[in-house]
């Protein structure tokens, strides 16, 4: 079946790449048990903790004191659903954080940043589907940590909200197109 779908894309290599990518996304959606339809009512999310005051969380996230920011982030990660007003401040807190490399030779300080980043993403995921518009905009942020955090949060949200899937698929298509374009440009520049 895979080869039949791939062979059906008879246009340019870029179009074949897009077709292959779309088919891969489809397979991943089916394998993950994602809903087949983007419609349908959602059950309300049970609150694990009493709601925190959004203003207090925002104040903590904006603090110059790292310990206060981390405390506010941990508090936000424990609240479900998280108030939507906190989302832009969580995204901003991701700005400039280290991305996790593929090796283990990193300092403890860098590992702390990864843990902090993970708490930020968890909190963003707890904001649920109301955060999708902010996360969608964050996918185009120039800061890699914000883009990566937005994708990770959308994946968390997609477990319960089918509305996150189109945003993730669109982001994946844009990433694949950018990669293909970059690869093509590199190949052409090597030829000349």
Foldseek 3Di string as FASTA:
>chain_A
DLVVQLVVQPDDPLSSLLSNLVVVLVVVCVVVVFDPDQDDDFDADDWPDPADDLVCLLCQLPDPDPVSNLVSLLVLLNTAQHALVCLVSLLVSQAPQDDDDPDDPDDVVNVVSVVSLVSSLSSLLRVAPVNLVVLLVQCPDPGPSSNVSSLSSLVSNSVRHVVSSVSNSVSSSVVSSVVVVVVVVVVVVVVD
